[in-house]
Amino acid sequence: MKQEFLDYLNELQKAAPQVQCNEEAQKYLEFLTREPAIQESKKQGITQHGKEILTFVHENPIYETFTSKELADGMGISGRSVAGSLRKLVAEEYVEKLSAVGVSPITYGVTNKGKNIEF
């Protein structure tokens, strides 16, 4: 529905380029057309530790795949905090489990959604 609305506005703008939006309408349009991952992070409510994990992995390419212990050691935070945050990131599809069921330790990787998010 949102995309149809934006497409409609684009068609109106093409049909009447001389008509300009006021400043507030322009700001709202910019908000609507921002990168979906930005809006998604706000909607999903990624925790502070979740943001820290994604940022750490982005900034440290050696963590292309990782375990919760490796992240905890690398970040200097408790394994329990990392494990809880990873569960939430997996549920929200920012991180995925790469290990087969029952294999320990669990190996994780960041999904495209997690790679494209901006904070």
N, C-alpha and C. Protein backbone atom coordinates (compact mmCIF):
# COMPACT_ATOMS: atom_id res chain seq x y z
N MET A 1 0.83 -1.19 0.00
CA MET A 1 0.00 0.00 0.00
C MET A 1 0.88 1.26 0.00
N LYS A 2 1.91 1.25 0.85
CA LYS A 2 2.80 2.41 0.91
C LYS A 2 3.47 2.63 -0.44
N GLN A 3 3.96 1.55 -1.04
CA GLN A 3 4.64 1.68 -2.32
C GLN A 3 3.69 2.21 -3.40
N GLU A 4 2.43 1.75 -3.38
CA GLU A 4 1.46 2.26 -4.36
C GLU A 4 1.25 3.77 -4.19
N PHE A 5 1.20 4.21 -2.93
CA PHE A 5 1.06 5.64 -2.64
C PHE A 5 2.25 6.43 -3.17
N LEU A 6 3.46 5.91 -2.93
CA LEU A 6 4.66 6.59 -3.41
C LEU A 6 4.71 6.61 -4.94
N ASP A 7 4.31 5.50 -5.57
CA ASP A 7 4.26 5.46 -7.04
C ASP A 7 3.26 6.48 -7.58
N TYR A 8 2.13 6.60 -6.91
CA TYR A 8 1.10 7.57 -7.30
C TYR A 8 1.66 9.00 -7.21
N LEU A 9 2.35 9.29 -6.11
CA LEU A 9 2.94 10.63 -5.94
C LEU A 9 3.99 10.91 -7.01
N ASN A 10 4.77 9.90 -7.36
CA ASN A 10 5.78 10.07 -8.42
C ASN A 10 5.11 10.39 -9.75
N GLU A 11 4.00 9.71 -10.04
CA GLU A 11 3.28 9.98 -11.29
C GLU A 11 2.70 11.40 -11.29
N LEU A 12 2.19 11.83 -10.15
CA LEU A 12 1.67 13.21 -10.04
C LEU A 12 2.79 14.22 -10.27
N GLN A 13 3.94 13.95 -9.69
CA GLN A 13 5.07 14.87 -9.83
C GLN A 13 5.54 14.94 -11.28
N LYS A 14 5.53 13.80 -11.98
CA LYS A 14 5.91 13.79 -13.39
C LYS A 14 4.89 14.56 -14.23
N ALA A 15 3.61 14.43 -13.89
CA ALA A 15 2.56 15.08 -14.66
C ALA A 15 2.54 16.59 -14.44
N ALA A 16 2.94 17.02 -13.25
CA ALA A 16 2.91 18.46 -12.93
C ALA A 16 4.19 18.85 -12.20
N PRO A 17 5.32 18.90 -12.90
CA PRO A 17 6.60 19.19 -12.24
C PRO A 17 6.67 20.59 -11.64
N GLN A 18 5.82 21.48 -12.11
CA GLN A 18 5.84 22.85 -11.57
C GLN A 18 5.25 22.93 -10.16
N VAL A 19 4.50 21.92 -9.75
CA VAL A 19 3.91 21.91 -8.41
C VAL A 19 4.93 21.30 -7.44
N GLN A 20 5.25 22.03 -6.39
CA GLN A 20 6.24 21.58 -5.41
C GLN A 20 5.56 21.33 -4.07
N CYS A 21 6.06 20.36 -3.34
CA CYS A 21 5.57 20.07 -1.99
C CYS A 21 6.07 21.14 -1.03
N ASN A 22 5.29 21.38 0.03
CA ASN A 22 5.80 22.28 1.06
C ASN A 22 6.87 21.52 1.86
N GLU A 23 7.56 22.22 2.73
CA GLU A 23 8.71 21.65 3.43
C GLU A 23 8.32 20.44 4.28
N GLU A 24 7.19 20.53 5.00
CA GLU A 24 6.78 19.41 5.85
C GLU A 24 6.41 18.19 5.03
N ALA A 25 5.71 18.39 3.92
CA ALA A 25 5.35 17.27 3.05
C ALA A 25 6.61 16.64 2.47
N GLN A 26 7.59 17.45 2.10
CA GLN A 26 8.84 16.93 1.56
C GLN A 26 9.59 16.09 2.59
N LYS A 27 9.62 16.55 3.84
CA LYS A 27 10.27 15.80 4.90
C LYS A 27 9.57 14.45 5.11
N TYR A 28 8.24 14.45 5.06
CA TYR A 28 7.49 13.21 5.23
C TYR A 28 7.78 12.24 4.08
N LEU A 29 7.85 12.75 2.87
CA LEU A 29 8.17 11.91 1.72
C LEU A 29 9.58 11.32 1.84
N GLU A 30 10.50 12.12 2.32
CA GLU A 30 11.87 11.62 2.52
C GLU A 30 11.88 10.51 3.56
N PHE A 31 11.08 10.69 4.61
CA PHE A 31 10.98 9.65 5.64
C PHE A 31 10.42 8.36 5.04
N LEU A 32 9.39 8.46 4.23
CA LEU A 32 8.76 7.29 3.63
C LEU A 32 9.67 6.56 2.66
N THR A 33 10.56 7.30 2.03
CA THR A 33 11.40 6.68 1.00
C THR A 33 12.80 6.32 1.50
N ARG A 34 13.06 6.53 2.78
CA ARG A 34 14.37 6.15 3.31
C ARG A 34 14.57 4.66 3.18
N GLU A 35 15.83 4.25 3.31
CA GLU A 35 16.20 2.83 3.25
C GLU A 35 15.29 2.03 4.18
N PRO A 36 14.61 1.00 3.65
CA PRO A 36 13.70 0.20 4.48
C PRO A 36 14.36 -0.39 5.72
N ALA A 37 15.63 -0.73 5.63
CA ALA A 37 16.30 -1.32 6.79
C ALA A 37 16.37 -0.36 7.96
N ILE A 38 16.47 0.93 7.69
CA ILE A 38 16.51 1.92 8.77
C ILE A 38 15.18 1.91 9.49
N GLN A 39 14.09 1.99 8.73
CA GLN A 39 12.77 1.97 9.34
C GLN A 39 12.53 0.65 10.05
N GLU A 40 13.01 -0.44 9.48
CA GLU A 40 12.83 -1.76 10.06
C GLU A 40 13.50 -1.84 11.43
N SER A 41 14.69 -1.27 11.57
CA SER A 41 15.38 -1.34 12.85
C SER A 41 14.60 -0.61 13.93
N LYS A 42 13.99 0.51 13.57
CA LYS A 42 13.20 1.25 14.54
C LYS A 42 11.94 0.49 14.90
N LYS A 43 11.30 -0.11 13.90
CA LYS A 43 10.07 -0.84 14.11
C LYS A 43 10.33 -2.08 14.96
N GLN A 44 11.39 -2.80 14.67
CA GLN A 44 11.69 -4.04 15.38
C GLN A 44 12.24 -3.77 16.77
N GLY A 45 12.82 -2.60 16.98
CA GLY A 45 13.35 -2.28 18.30
C GLY A 45 14.58 -3.10 18.66
N ILE A 46 15.59 -3.06 17.81
CA ILE A 46 16.83 -3.78 18.10
C ILE A 46 17.41 -3.23 19.40
N THR A 47 17.84 -4.14 20.25
CA THR A 47 18.40 -3.73 21.54
C THR A 47 19.76 -3.06 21.35
N GLN A 48 20.22 -2.40 22.39
CA GLN A 48 21.53 -1.76 22.34
C GLN A 48 22.63 -2.79 22.09
N HIS A 49 22.55 -3.93 22.78
CA HIS A 49 23.55 -4.98 22.55
C HIS A 49 23.45 -5.52 21.13
N GLY A 50 22.24 -5.62 20.60
CA GLY A 50 22.06 -6.07 19.22
C GLY A 50 22.75 -5.12 18.25
N LYS A 51 22.58 -3.82 18.47
CA LYS A 51 23.25 -2.81 17.63
C LYS A 51 24.77 -2.93 17.77
N GLU A 52 25.23 -3.12 19.00
CA GLU A 52 26.67 -3.25 19.23
C GLU A 52 27.23 -4.49 18.53
N ILE A 53 26.49 -5.58 18.57
CA ILE A 53 26.94 -6.82 17.91
C ILE A 53 27.03 -6.60 16.40
N LEU A 54 25.97 -6.05 15.80
CA LEU A 54 25.98 -5.84 14.35
C LEU A 54 27.08 -4.87 13.95
N THR A 55 27.27 -3.82 14.73
CA THR A 55 28.33 -2.85 14.45
C THR A 55 29.71 -3.51 14.56
N PHE A 56 29.91 -4.30 15.61
CA PHE A 56 31.19 -4.99 15.83
C PHE A 56 31.49 -5.92 14.66
N VAL A 57 30.50 -6.69 14.23
CA VAL A 57 30.71 -7.63 13.13
C VAL A 57 31.00 -6.88 11.83
N HIS A 58 30.30 -5.75 11.60
CA HIS A 58 30.55 -4.95 10.39
C HIS A 58 31.98 -4.42 10.38
N GLU A 59 32.46 -4.00 11.55
CA GLU A 59 33.78 -3.37 11.64
C GLU A 59 34.93 -4.38 11.73
N ASN A 60 34.62 -5.65 11.94
CA ASN A 60 35.63 -6.68 12.11
C ASN A 60 35.35 -7.84 11.16
N PRO A 61 35.83 -7.74 9.92
CA PRO A 61 35.51 -8.75 8.90
C PRO A 61 35.93 -10.18 9.24
N ILE A 62 36.82 -10.35 10.22
CA ILE A 62 37.18 -11.72 10.59
C ILE A 62 35.99 -12.47 11.20
N TYR A 63 34.97 -11.74 11.58
CA TYR A 63 33.77 -12.35 12.17
C TYR A 63 32.69 -12.56 11.13
N GLU A 64 33.08 -13.08 9.96
CA GLU A 64 32.08 -13.40 8.93
C GLU A 64 31.13 -14.48 9.46
N THR A 65 31.69 -15.48 10.13
CA THR A 65 30.91 -16.44 10.90
C THR A 65 31.48 -16.42 12.30
N PHE A 66 30.65 -16.71 13.29
CA PHE A 66 31.09 -16.54 14.67
C PHE A 66 30.22 -17.36 15.61
N THR A 67 30.75 -17.62 16.79
CA THR A 67 29.99 -18.22 17.87
C THR A 67 29.71 -17.12 18.90
N SER A 68 28.79 -17.37 19.79
CA SER A 68 28.49 -16.37 20.82
C SER A 68 29.71 -16.14 21.72
N LYS A 69 30.48 -17.19 21.99
CA LYS A 69 31.68 -17.04 22.82
C LYS A 69 32.72 -16.17 22.12
N GLU A 70 32.92 -16.38 20.83
CA GLU A 70 33.88 -15.56 20.09
C GLU A 70 33.49 -14.09 20.13
N LEU A 71 32.19 -13.82 19.96
CA LEU A 71 31.74 -12.43 20.03
C LEU A 71 31.93 -11.86 21.42
N ALA A 72 31.53 -12.62 22.43
CA ALA A 72 31.67 -12.15 23.81
C ALA A 72 33.12 -11.82 24.13
N ASP A 73 34.03 -12.72 23.74
CA ASP A 73 35.46 -12.49 23.99
C ASP A 73 35.95 -11.27 23.21
N GLY A 74 35.56 -11.16 21.96
CA GLY A 74 36.01 -10.05 21.11
C GLY A 74 35.47 -8.71 21.56
N MET A 75 34.24 -8.72 22.07
CA MET A 75 33.60 -7.46 22.45
C MET A 75 33.83 -7.12 23.92
N GLY A 76 34.25 -8.10 24.70
CA GLY A 76 34.47 -7.86 26.13
C GLY A 76 33.18 -7.73 26.92
N ILE A 77 32.13 -8.44 26.50
CA ILE A 77 30.88 -8.44 27.26
C ILE A 77 30.53 -9.89 27.61
N SER A 78 29.57 -10.06 28.48
CA SER A 78 29.26 -11.41 28.96
C SER A 78 28.65 -12.28 27.86
N GLY A 79 28.98 -13.55 27.94
CA GLY A 79 28.43 -14.51 27.00
C GLY A 79 26.91 -14.59 27.08
N ARG A 80 26.38 -14.42 28.27
CA ARG A 80 24.92 -14.45 28.46
C ARG A 80 24.25 -13.30 27.72
N SER A 81 24.84 -12.11 27.79
CA SER A 81 24.29 -10.95 27.07
C SER A 81 24.32 -11.18 25.56
N VAL A 82 25.45 -11.71 25.08
CA VAL A 82 25.59 -11.97 23.65
C VAL A 82 24.57 -13.01 23.20
N ALA A 83 24.44 -14.10 23.97
CA ALA A 83 23.51 -15.18 23.60
C ALA A 83 22.07 -14.66 23.53
N GLY A 84 21.67 -13.85 24.50
CA GLY A 84 20.32 -13.29 24.50
C GLY A 84 20.09 -12.36 23.32
N SER A 85 21.08 -11.53 23.04
CA SER A 85 20.97 -10.60 21.92
C SER A 85 20.94 -11.35 20.59
N LEU A 86 21.74 -12.41 20.47
CA LEU A 86 21.75 -13.19 19.24
C LEU A 86 20.40 -13.87 19.01
N ARG A 87 19.76 -14.35 20.08
CA ARG A 87 18.43 -14.96 19.92
C ARG A 87 17.46 -13.95 19.31
N LYS A 88 17.51 -12.72 19.81
CA LYS A 88 16.62 -11.67 19.28
C LYS A 88 16.97 -11.32 17.84
N LEU A 89 18.26 -11.22 17.55
CA LEU A 89 18.69 -10.90 16.18
C LEU A 89 18.31 -12.00 15.21
N VAL A 90 18.37 -13.25 15.65
CA VAL A 90 17.94 -14.37 14.80
C VAL A 90 16.43 -14.29 14.57
N ALA A 91 15.67 -14.03 15.63
CA ALA A 91 14.21 -13.94 15.51
C ALA A 91 13.80 -12.83 14.56
N GLU A 92 14.57 -11.75 14.54
CA GLU A 92 14.24 -10.61 13.68
C GLU A 92 14.96 -10.68 12.32
N GLU A 93 15.65 -11.80 12.08
CA GLU A 93 16.29 -12.12 10.80
C GLU A 93 17.46 -11.21 10.42
N TYR A 94 18.16 -10.66 11.42
CA TYR A 94 19.37 -9.89 11.17
C TYR A 94 20.59 -10.82 11.20
N VAL A 95 20.43 -11.93 11.90
CA VAL A 95 21.48 -12.94 12.04
C VAL A 95 20.83 -14.29 11.81
N GLU A 96 21.60 -15.24 11.27
CA GLU A 96 21.07 -16.59 11.07
C GLU A 96 21.99 -17.62 11.68
N LYS A 97 21.40 -18.73 12.10
CA LYS A 97 22.19 -19.86 12.59
C LYS A 97 22.69 -20.62 11.37
N LEU A 98 23.98 -20.90 11.36
CA LEU A 98 24.59 -21.63 10.25
C LEU A 98 24.84 -23.09 10.58
N SER A 99 24.89 -23.43 11.85
CA SER A 99 25.16 -24.81 12.28
C SER A 99 23.92 -25.67 12.09
N ALA A 100 24.16 -26.95 11.87
CA ALA A 100 23.06 -27.91 11.82
C ALA A 100 22.46 -28.04 13.22
N VAL A 101 21.21 -28.45 13.29
CA VAL A 101 20.53 -28.64 14.57
C VAL A 101 21.30 -29.65 15.41
N GLY A 102 21.52 -29.31 16.66
CA GLY A 102 22.21 -30.21 17.57
C GLY A 102 23.72 -30.08 17.57
N VAL A 103 24.28 -29.32 16.64
CA VAL A 103 25.73 -29.13 16.58
C VAL A 103 26.10 -28.02 17.57
N SER A 104 27.15 -28.27 18.33
CA SER A 104 27.58 -27.29 19.30
C SER A 104 29.07 -27.02 19.11
N PRO A 105 29.55 -25.81 19.23
CA PRO A 105 28.78 -24.58 19.46
C PRO A 105 28.06 -24.12 18.19
N ILE A 106 27.04 -23.33 18.39
CA ILE A 106 26.27 -22.81 17.26
C ILE A 106 27.08 -21.73 16.57
N THR A 107 27.15 -21.82 15.25
CA THR A 107 27.83 -20.81 14.44
C THR A 107 26.77 -19.92 13.82
N TYR A 108 27.03 -18.62 13.83
CA TYR A 108 26.10 -17.63 13.30
C TYR A 108 26.74 -16.86 12.15
N GLY A 109 25.90 -16.21 11.37
CA GLY A 109 26.34 -15.29 10.33
C GLY A 109 25.31 -14.18 10.19
N VAL A 110 25.74 -13.04 9.73
CA VAL A 110 24.84 -11.90 9.55
C VAL A 110 24.14 -12.05 8.20
N THR A 111 22.83 -11.84 8.19
CA THR A 111 22.05 -11.91 6.95
C THR A 111 22.22 -10.62 6.14
N ASN A 112 21.72 -10.61 4.92
CA ASN A 112 21.74 -9.38 4.12
C ASN A 112 21.00 -8.26 4.83
N LYS A 113 19.90 -8.60 5.47
CA LYS A 113 19.14 -7.59 6.23
C LYS A 113 20.03 -6.98 7.31
N GLY A 114 20.79 -7.82 8.00
CA GLY A 114 21.69 -7.34 9.05
C GLY A 114 22.87 -6.56 8.50
N LYS A 115 23.33 -6.94 7.30
CA LYS A 115 24.45 -6.22 6.68
C LYS A 115 24.05 -4.85 6.18
N ASN A 116 22.78 -4.69 5.81
CA ASN A 116 22.33 -3.43 5.20
C ASN A 116 21.72 -2.45 6.19
N ILE A 117 21.63 -2.82 7.44
CA ILE A 117 21.00 -1.92 8.41
C ILE A 117 21.94 -0.77 8.75
N GLU A 118 21.36 0.38 8.98
CA GLU A 118 22.13 1.57 9.38
C GLU A 118 21.60 2.07 10.72
N PHE A 119 22.51 2.54 11.54
CA PHE A 119 22.11 3.08 12.85
C PHE A 119 22.40 4.55 12.92
